[in-house]
């Protein structure tokens, strides 16, 4: 299903103005206009965060599967990405409190956030949240905490298993690290270097740099979960 952008009464120029880079930190809102359903978030770099959300949605890999499904059904023109001006220059704690306040005004059917209070977000994201360990799992965890050796510690591995493990562990220190440059995803430094046209060394240095001018060079780890500040 497509959504006619003309149905949105908001002027398109105002849309672009909401991405004013002078507003570095703050809160943001992503709205599916046909459903009037919202995603609320906060970040120290709002423009960058919104661009990451858009990139993940366009590639079909956003971790919020409900929003991803609606994005694919209604199309990008049906989604409104907006900065909230009142969140500018606030501390992270203040932004998170505002996020909770806004979420508390929305019913579950009108929000994509699966949590209402940001303090509960990490617990809900934990795959074991709300689940109980069985006796076997509890014993294993207890043994681990007491420093007991693994039940496999004294077992001998076959030559075949050793060979397979050896092959799998080869070069692990040099595993590819995915990254974003200007909100574009690259599978590795080599991939980015080839497509951007600058050296691997420069890309690596910029990803590690804390300088403001290189803030658009980011390792993908930590971003896929949409939680970097």
C-alpha atoms as a PDB file:
ATOM      1  CA  UNK A   1       0.000   0.000   0.000  1.00  0.00           C
ATOM      2  CA  UNK A   2       1.344   3.429  -0.898  1.00  0.00           C
ATOM      3  CA  UNK A   3       0.676   6.722   0.857  1.00  0.00           C
ATOM      4  CA  UNK A   4       0.291   9.996  -1.010  1.00  0.00           C
ATOM      5  CA  UNK A   5       2.664  12.551   0.439  1.00  0.00           C
ATOM      6  CA  UNK A   6       0.108  15.278  -0.404  1.00  0.00           C
ATOM      7  CA  UNK A   7      -2.161  13.803   2.265  1.00  0.00           C
ATOM      8  CA  UNK A   8       0.281  15.099   4.836  1.00  0.00           C
ATOM      9  CA  UNK A   9      -0.612  18.714   5.601  1.00  0.00           C
ATOM     10  CA  UNK A  10       2.910  19.434   6.840  1.00  0.00           C
ATOM     11  CA  UNK A  11       4.966  21.387   4.336  1.00  0.00           C
ATOM     12  CA  UNK A  12       7.868  19.326   2.989  1.00  0.00           C
ATOM     13  CA  UNK A  13      10.242  22.212   3.585  1.00  0.00           C
ATOM     14  CA  UNK A  14       9.379  22.100   7.268  1.00  0.00           C
ATOM     15  CA  UNK A  15      10.278  18.415   7.213  1.00  0.00           C
ATOM     16  CA  UNK A  16      13.785  19.199   6.094  1.00  0.00           C
ATOM     17  CA  UNK A  17      14.135  22.021   8.633  1.00  0.00           C
ATOM     18  CA  UNK A  18      13.576  19.510  11.405  1.00  0.00           C
ATOM     19  CA  UNK A  19      16.953  18.036  10.529  1.00  0.00           C
ATOM     20  CA  UNK A  20      18.804  21.268  11.341  1.00  0.00           C
ATOM     21  CA  UNK A  21      22.281  20.110  12.382  1.00  0.00           C
ATOM     22  CA  UNK A  22      22.541  22.969  14.899  1.00  0.00           C
ATOM     23  CA  UNK A  23      20.190  20.967  17.126  1.00  0.00           C
ATOM     24  CA  UNK A  24      22.671  18.310  18.126  1.00  0.00           C
ATOM     25  CA  UNK A  25      21.030  16.543  21.072  1.00  0.00           C
ATOM     26  CA  UNK A  26      17.403  16.095  21.970  1.00  0.00           C
ATOM     27  CA  UNK A  27      14.329  13.969  21.388  1.00  0.00           C
ATOM     28  CA  UNK A  28      12.805  12.765  18.145  1.00  0.00           C
ATOM     29  CA  UNK A  29       9.561  11.342  16.820  1.00  0.00           C
ATOM     30  CA  UNK A  30       8.921   8.864  14.008  1.00  0.00           C
ATOM     31  CA  UNK A  31       5.274   8.711  12.944  1.00  0.00           C
ATOM     32  CA  UNK A  32       3.384   6.398  10.609  1.00  0.00           C
ATOM     33  CA  UNK A  33       0.846   8.953   9.355  1.00  0.00           C
ATOM     34  CA  UNK A  34      -1.928   6.588   8.150  1.00  0.00           C
ATOM     35  CA  UNK A  35      -1.947   4.796  11.518  1.00  0.00           C
ATOM     36  CA  UNK A  36      -0.984   7.755  13.718  1.00  0.00           C
ATOM     37  CA  UNK A  37       1.448   5.438  15.447  1.00  0.00           C
ATOM     38  CA  UNK A  38       4.640   6.846  16.939  1.00  0.00           C
ATOM     39  CA  UNK A  39       8.174   5.880  17.913  1.00  0.00           C
ATOM     40  CA  UNK A  40       9.774   8.161  20.532  1.00  0.00           C
ATOM     41  CA  UNK A  41      13.513   8.331  21.165  1.00  0.00           C
ATOM     42  CA  UNK A  42      16.340  10.500  22.434  1.00  0.00           C
ATOM     43  CA  UNK A  43      19.973  10.898  21.460  1.00  0.00           C
ATOM     44  CA  UNK A  44      23.047  13.053  21.847  1.00  0.00           C
ATOM     45  CA  UNK A  45      23.128  13.198  18.030  1.00  0.00           C
ATOM     46  CA  UNK A  46      19.520  13.347  16.846  1.00  0.00           C
ATOM     47  CA  UNK A  47      20.188  13.830  13.127  1.00  0.00           C
ATOM     48  CA  UNK A  48      22.559  10.884  13.061  1.00  0.00           C
ATOM     49  CA  UNK A  49      20.122   8.720  15.024  1.00  0.00           C
ATOM     50  CA  UNK A  50      17.219   9.545  12.703  1.00  0.00           C
ATOM     51  CA  UNK A  51      19.391   8.747   9.686  1.00  0.00           C
ATOM     52  CA  UNK A  52      20.307   5.381  11.205  1.00  0.00           C
ATOM     53  CA  UNK A  53      16.620   4.605  11.778  1.00  0.00           C
ATOM     54  CA  UNK A  54      15.850   5.490   8.148  1.00  0.00           C
ATOM     55  CA  UNK A  55      18.780   3.430   6.873  1.00  0.00           C
ATOM     56  CA  UNK A  56      17.716   0.344   8.840  1.00  0.00           C
ATOM     57  CA  UNK A  57      14.097   0.700   7.731  1.00  0.00           C
ATOM     58  CA  UNK A  58      15.078   1.097   4.085  1.00  0.00           C
ATOM     59  CA  UNK A  59      17.241  -2.029   4.289  1.00  0.00           C
ATOM     60  CA  UNK A  60      14.472  -3.987   6.017  1.00  0.00           C
ATOM     61  CA  UNK A  61      16.480  -4.802   9.146  1.00  0.00           C
ATOM     62  CA  UNK A  62      15.098  -2.427  11.803  1.00  0.00           C
ATOM     63  CA  UNK A  63      14.903  -4.207  15.157  1.00  0.00           C
ATOM     64  CA  UNK A  64      11.391  -2.878  15.731  1.00  0.00           C
ATOM     65  CA  UNK A  65       9.648  -5.424  13.534  1.00  0.00           C
ATOM     66  CA  UNK A  66       6.197  -3.824  13.846  1.00  0.00           C
ATOM     67  CA  UNK A  67       7.468  -0.489  12.562  1.00  0.00           C
ATOM     68  CA  UNK A  68       9.462  -2.275   9.846  1.00  0.00           C
ATOM     69  CA  UNK A  69       6.311  -4.104   8.710  1.00  0.00           C
ATOM     70  CA  UNK A  70       4.313  -0.861   8.510  1.00  0.00           C
ATOM     71  CA  UNK A  71       7.188   0.876   6.700  1.00  0.00           C
ATOM     72  CA  UNK A  72       7.152  -1.835   4.046  1.00  0.00           C
ATOM     73  CA  UNK A  73       3.355  -1.769   3.770  1.00  0.00           C
ATOM     74  CA  UNK A  74       2.779   1.993   3.564  1.00  0.00           C
ATOM     75  CA  UNK A  75       6.116   3.176   2.158  1.00  0.00           C
ATOM     76  CA  UNK A  76       8.645   5.778   3.277  1.00  0.00           C
ATOM     77  CA  UNK A  77       6.420   8.720   2.263  1.00  0.00           C
ATOM     78  CA  UNK A  78       3.935   7.651   4.920  1.00  0.00           C
ATOM     79  CA  UNK A  79       6.527   8.127   7.663  1.00  0.00           C
ATOM     80  CA  UNK A  80       7.398  11.459   9.254  1.00  0.00           C
ATOM     81  CA  UNK A  81      10.823  11.845  10.920  1.00  0.00           C
ATOM     82  CA  UNK A  82      10.833  14.786  13.304  1.00  0.00           C
ATOM     83  CA  UNK A  83      13.112  16.490  15.818  1.00  0.00           C
ATOM     84  CA  UNK A  84      11.448  17.786  18.962  1.00  0.00           C
ATOM     85  CA  UNK A  85      12.929  21.192  19.682  1.00  0.00           C
ATOM     86  CA  UNK A  86      12.201  21.269  23.407  1.00  0.00           C
ATOM     87  CA  UNK A  87      14.665  18.416  23.991  1.00  0.00           C
ATOM     88  CA  UNK A  88      17.655  20.384  22.721  1.00  0.00           C
ATOM     89  CA  UNK A  89      20.634  20.852  25.070  1.00  0.00           C
ATOM     90  CA  UNK A  90      19.153  18.745  27.859  1.00  0.00           C
ATOM     91  CA  UNK A  91      21.207  16.163  29.745  1.00  0.00           C
ATOM     92  CA  UNK A  92      20.745  12.495  28.880  1.00  0.00           C
ATOM     93  CA  UNK A  93      18.793  11.874  32.092  1.00  0.00           C
ATOM     94  CA  UNK A  94      16.476  14.805  31.362  1.00  0.00           C
ATOM     95  CA  UNK A  95      15.944  13.584  27.797  1.00  0.00           C
ATOM     96  CA  UNK A  96      15.130  10.084  29.025  1.00  0.00           C
ATOM     97  CA  UNK A  97      12.654  11.477  31.552  1.00  0.00           C
ATOM     98  CA  UNK A  98      10.960  13.468  28.794  1.00  0.00           C
ATOM     99  CA  UNK A  99      10.886  10.329  26.638  1.00  0.00           C
ATOM    100  CA  UNK A 100       9.076   8.479  29.435  1.00  0.00           C
ATOM    101  CA  UNK A 101       6.670  11.392  29.917  1.00  0.00           C
ATOM    102  CA  UNK A 102       5.734  11.434  26.213  1.00  0.00           C
ATOM    103  CA  UNK A 103       5.339   7.658  26.081  1.00  0.00           C
ATOM    104  CA  UNK A 104       3.020   7.764  29.092  1.00  0.00           C
ATOM    105  CA  UNK A 105       0.594   9.911  27.073  1.00  0.00           C
ATOM    106  CA  UNK A 106       0.345   7.328  24.273  1.00  0.00           C
ATOM    107  CA  UNK A 107      -1.673   4.138  24.377  1.00  0.00           C
ATOM    108  CA  UNK A 108       0.030   0.903  23.366  1.00  0.00           C
ATOM    109  CA  UNK A 109      -1.803   0.865  20.031  1.00  0.00           C
ATOM    110  CA  UNK A 110      -0.452   4.344  19.222  1.00  0.00           C
ATOM    111  CA  UNK A 111       3.213   3.719  19.916  1.00  0.00           C
ATOM    112  CA  UNK A 112       5.900   1.488  18.449  1.00  0.00           C
ATOM    113  CA  UNK A 113       7.971   1.573  21.638  1.00  0.00           C
ATOM    114  CA  UNK A 114       7.333  -1.677  23.491  1.00  0.00           C
ATOM    115  CA  UNK A 115       8.270  -0.020  26.802  1.00  0.00           C
ATOM    116  CA  UNK A 116       6.705   2.990  28.493  1.00  0.00           C
ATOM    117  CA  UNK A 117       9.526   3.728  30.923  1.00  0.00           C
ATOM    118  CA  UNK A 118      13.074   3.888  29.518  1.00  0.00           C
ATOM    119  CA  UNK A 119      14.357   2.460  32.840  1.00  0.00           C
ATOM    120  CA  UNK A 120      12.716  -0.869  31.943  1.00  0.00           C
ATOM    121  CA  UNK A 121      14.026  -0.915  28.371  1.00  0.00           C
ATOM    122  CA  UNK A 122      17.241  -2.858  29.007  1.00  0.00           C
ATOM    123  CA  UNK A 123      15.397  -5.476  31.061  1.00  0.00           C
ATOM    124  CA  UNK A 124      12.815  -5.975  28.328  1.00  0.00           C
ATOM    125  CA  UNK A 125      15.541  -6.241  25.695  1.00  0.00           C
ATOM    126  CA  UNK A 126      17.165  -9.041  27.722  1.00  0.00           C
ATOM    127  CA  UNK A 127      16.191 -12.336  26.002  1.00  0.00           C
ATOM    128  CA  UNK A 128      15.597 -13.918  29.445  1.00  0.00           C
ATOM    129  CA  UNK A 129      13.306 -11.117  30.637  1.00  0.00           C
ATOM    130  CA  UNK A 130      10.249 -12.649  32.315  1.00  0.00           C
ATOM    131  CA  UNK A 131      11.533 -16.208  31.857  1.00  0.00           C
ATOM    132  CA  UNK A 132      12.570 -18.742  34.491  1.00  0.00           C
ATOM    133  CA  UNK A 133      15.609 -20.976  34.210  1.00  0.00           C
ATOM    134  CA  UNK A 134      15.037 -24.701  34.534  1.00  0.00           C
ATOM    135  CA  UNK A 135      16.903 -26.702  37.202  1.00  0.00           C
ATOM    136  CA  UNK A 136      19.646 -27.760  34.796  1.00  0.00           C
ATOM    137  CA  UNK A 137      20.303 -24.188  33.739  1.00  0.00           C
ATOM    138  CA  UNK A 138      20.316 -22.998  37.352  1.00  0.00           C
ATOM    139  CA  UNK A 139      22.888 -25.641  38.302  1.00  0.00           C
ATOM    140  CA  UNK A 140      25.075 -24.656  35.368  1.00  0.00           C
ATOM    141  CA  UNK A 141      24.923 -20.987  36.349  1.00  0.00           C
ATOM    142  CA  UNK A 142      25.638 -21.855  39.973  1.00  0.00           C
ATOM    143  CA  UNK A 143      28.667 -23.920  38.989  1.00  0.00           C
ATOM    144  CA  UNK A 144      29.963 -21.117  36.817  1.00  0.00           C
ATOM    145  CA  UNK A 145      29.678 -18.618  39.658  1.00  0.00           C
ATOM    146  CA  UNK A 146      31.550 -20.910  42.036  1.00  0.00           C
ATOM    147  CA  UNK A 147      34.372 -21.340  39.576  1.00  0.00           C
ATOM    148  CA  UNK A 148      33.721 -25.015  38.988  1.00  0.00           C
ATOM    149  CA  UNK A 149      35.290 -26.498  35.887  1.00  0.00           C
ATOM    150  CA  UNK A 150      33.203 -27.145  32.836  1.00  0.00           C
ATOM    151  CA  UNK A 151      31.783 -30.700  32.570  1.00  0.00           C
ATOM    152  CA  UNK A 152      33.679 -30.916  29.268  1.00  0.00           C
ATOM    153  CA  UNK A 153      37.002 -29.902  30.811  1.00  0.00           C
ATOM    154  CA  UNK A 154      38.381 -33.458  31.134  1.00  0.00           C
ATOM    155  CA  UNK A 155      36.893 -34.860  27.964  1.00  0.00           C
ATOM    156  CA  UNK A 156      39.171 -35.416  25.042  1.00  0.00           C
ATOM    157  CA  UNK A 157      38.160 -33.987  21.694  1.00  0.00           C
ATOM    158  CA  UNK A 158      38.537 -36.015  18.544  1.00  0.00           C
ATOM    159  CA  UNK A 159      41.079 -34.975  15.915  1.00  0.00           C
ATOM    160  CA  UNK A 160      38.182 -34.044  13.645  1.00  0.00           C
ATOM    161  CA  UNK A 161      36.678 -31.686  16.230  1.00  0.00           C
ATOM    162  CA  UNK A 162      40.067 -30.149  17.014  1.00  0.00           C
ATOM    163  CA  UNK A 163      40.697 -29.542  13.322  1.00  0.00           C
ATOM    164  CA  UNK A 164      37.285 -27.926  12.863  1.00  0.00           C
ATOM    165  CA  UNK A 165      37.767 -25.656  15.880  1.00  0.00           C
ATOM    166  CA  UNK A 166      41.206 -24.711  14.643  1.00  0.00           C
ATOM    167  CA  UNK A 167      39.827 -23.730  11.249  1.00  0.00           C
ATOM    168  CA  UNK A 168      36.994 -21.713  12.812  1.00  0.00           C
ATOM    169  CA  UNK A 169      39.353 -19.843  15.113  1.00  0.00           C
ATOM    170  CA  UNK A 170      41.836 -18.919  12.418  1.00  0.00           C
ATOM    171  CA  UNK A 171      41.933 -15.213  11.788  1.00  0.00           C
ATOM    172  CA  UNK A 172      39.291 -14.354  14.354  1.00  0.00           C
ATOM    173  CA  UNK A 173      41.328 -11.397  15.507  1.00  0.00           C
ATOM    174  CA  UNK A 174      41.014  -9.950  12.028  1.00  0.00           C
ATOM    175  CA  UNK A 175      37.288 -10.420  11.675  1.00  0.00           C
ATOM    176  CA  UNK A 176      35.486  -7.881   9.516  1.00  0.00           C
ATOM    177  CA  UNK A 177      33.973  -4.949  11.369  1.00  0.00           C
ATOM    178  CA  UNK A 178      30.893  -3.420   9.809  1.00  0.00           C
ATOM    179  CA  UNK A 179      30.561   0.348   9.894  1.00  0.00           C
ATOM    180  CA  UNK A 180      28.517   3.368   8.827  1.00  0.00           C
ATOM    181  CA  UNK A 181      29.865   6.369   6.927  1.00  0.00           C
ATOM    182  CA  UNK A 182      27.358   9.198   6.433  1.00  0.00           C
ATOM    183  CA  UNK A 183      24.650   6.730   7.522  1.00  0.00           C
ATOM    184  CA  UNK A 184      25.564   4.324   4.696  1.00  0.00           C
ATOM    185  CA  UNK A 185      26.261   0.754   5.827  1.00  0.00           C
ATOM    186  CA  UNK A 186      29.483  -1.052   4.791  1.00  0.00           C
ATOM    187  CA  UNK A 187      30.284  -4.664   5.638  1.00  0.00           C
ATOM    188  CA  UNK A 188      33.961  -3.944   6.294  1.00  0.00           C
ATOM    189  CA  UNK A 189      36.667  -1.283   6.201  1.00  0.00           C
ATOM    190  CA  UNK A 190      37.859  -2.725   2.895  1.00  0.00           C
ATOM    191  CA  UNK A 191      34.354  -2.400   1.456  1.00  0.00           C
ATOM    192  CA  UNK A 192      34.091   1.232   2.603  1.00  0.00           C
ATOM    193  CA  UNK A 193      37.590   2.096   1.368  1.00  0.00           C
ATOM    194  CA  UNK A 194      36.835   0.735  -2.093  1.00  0.00           C
ATOM    195  CA  UNK A 195      33.517   2.574  -2.442  1.00  0.00           C
ATOM    196  CA  UNK A 196      34.470   5.852  -0.767  1.00  0.00           C
ATOM    197  CA  UNK A 197      37.941   6.076  -2.251  1.00  0.00           C
ATOM    198  CA  UNK A 198      40.025   6.693   0.865  1.00  0.00           C
ATOM    199  CA  UNK A 199      42.507   4.429   2.623  1.00  0.00           C
ATOM    200  CA  UNK A 200      41.567   1.792   5.192  1.00  0.00           C
ATOM    201  CA  UNK A 201      43.879   3.419   7.719  1.00  0.00           C
ATOM    202  CA  UNK A 202      42.061   6.761   7.472  1.00  0.00           C
ATOM    203  CA  UNK A 203      38.656   5.116   7.805  1.00  0.00           C
ATOM    204  CA  UNK A 204      39.793   3.136  10.853  1.00  0.00           C
ATOM    205  CA  UNK A 205      41.259   6.253  12.491  1.00  0.00           C
ATOM    206  CA  UNK A 206      38.092   8.244  11.847  1.00  0.00           C
ATOM    207  CA  UNK A 207      35.880   5.529  13.328  1.00  0.00           C
ATOM    208  CA  UNK A 208      37.984   5.606  16.493  1.00  0.00           C
ATOM    209  CA  UNK A 209      38.210   9.405  16.540  1.00  0.00           C
ATOM    210  CA  UNK A 210      36.188  11.472  19.004  1.00  0.00           C
ATOM    211  CA  UNK A 211      36.514  14.610  16.878  1.00  0.00           C
ATOM    212  CA  UNK A 212      33.227  16.267  15.930  1.00  0.00           C
ATOM    213  CA  UNK A 213      34.118  16.365  12.218  1.00  0.00           C
ATOM    214  CA  UNK A 214      34.339  12.554  12.107  1.00  0.00           C
ATOM    215  CA  UNK A 215      31.124  11.802  14.011  1.00  0.00           C
ATOM    216  CA  UNK A 216      29.613  10.377  10.810  1.00  0.00           C
ATOM    217  CA  UNK A 217      32.174   7.510  10.894  1.00  0.00           C
ATOM    218  CA  UNK A 218      30.750   4.831  13.199  1.00  0.00           C
ATOM    219  CA  UNK A 219      31.275   1.155  13.915  1.00  0.00           C
ATOM    220  CA  UNK A 220      28.045  -0.726  13.288  1.00  0.00           C
ATOM    221  CA  UNK A 221      28.325  -2.567  16.607  1.00  0.00           C
ATOM    222  CA  UNK A 222      26.044  -0.808  19.056  1.00  0.00           C
ATOM    223  CA  UNK A 223      24.111   0.993  16.339  1.00  0.00           C
ATOM    224  CA  UNK A 224      22.107  -1.989  15.099  1.00  0.00           C
ATOM    225  CA  UNK A 225      20.420  -2.003  18.448  1.00  0.00           C
ATOM    226  CA  UNK A 226      19.767   1.694  18.072  1.00  0.00           C
ATOM    227  CA  UNK A 227      21.159   2.569  21.422  1.00  0.00           C
ATOM    228  CA  UNK A 228      24.377   4.600  20.907  1.00  0.00           C
ATOM    229  CA  UNK A 229      24.284   8.027  22.520  1.00  0.00           C
END
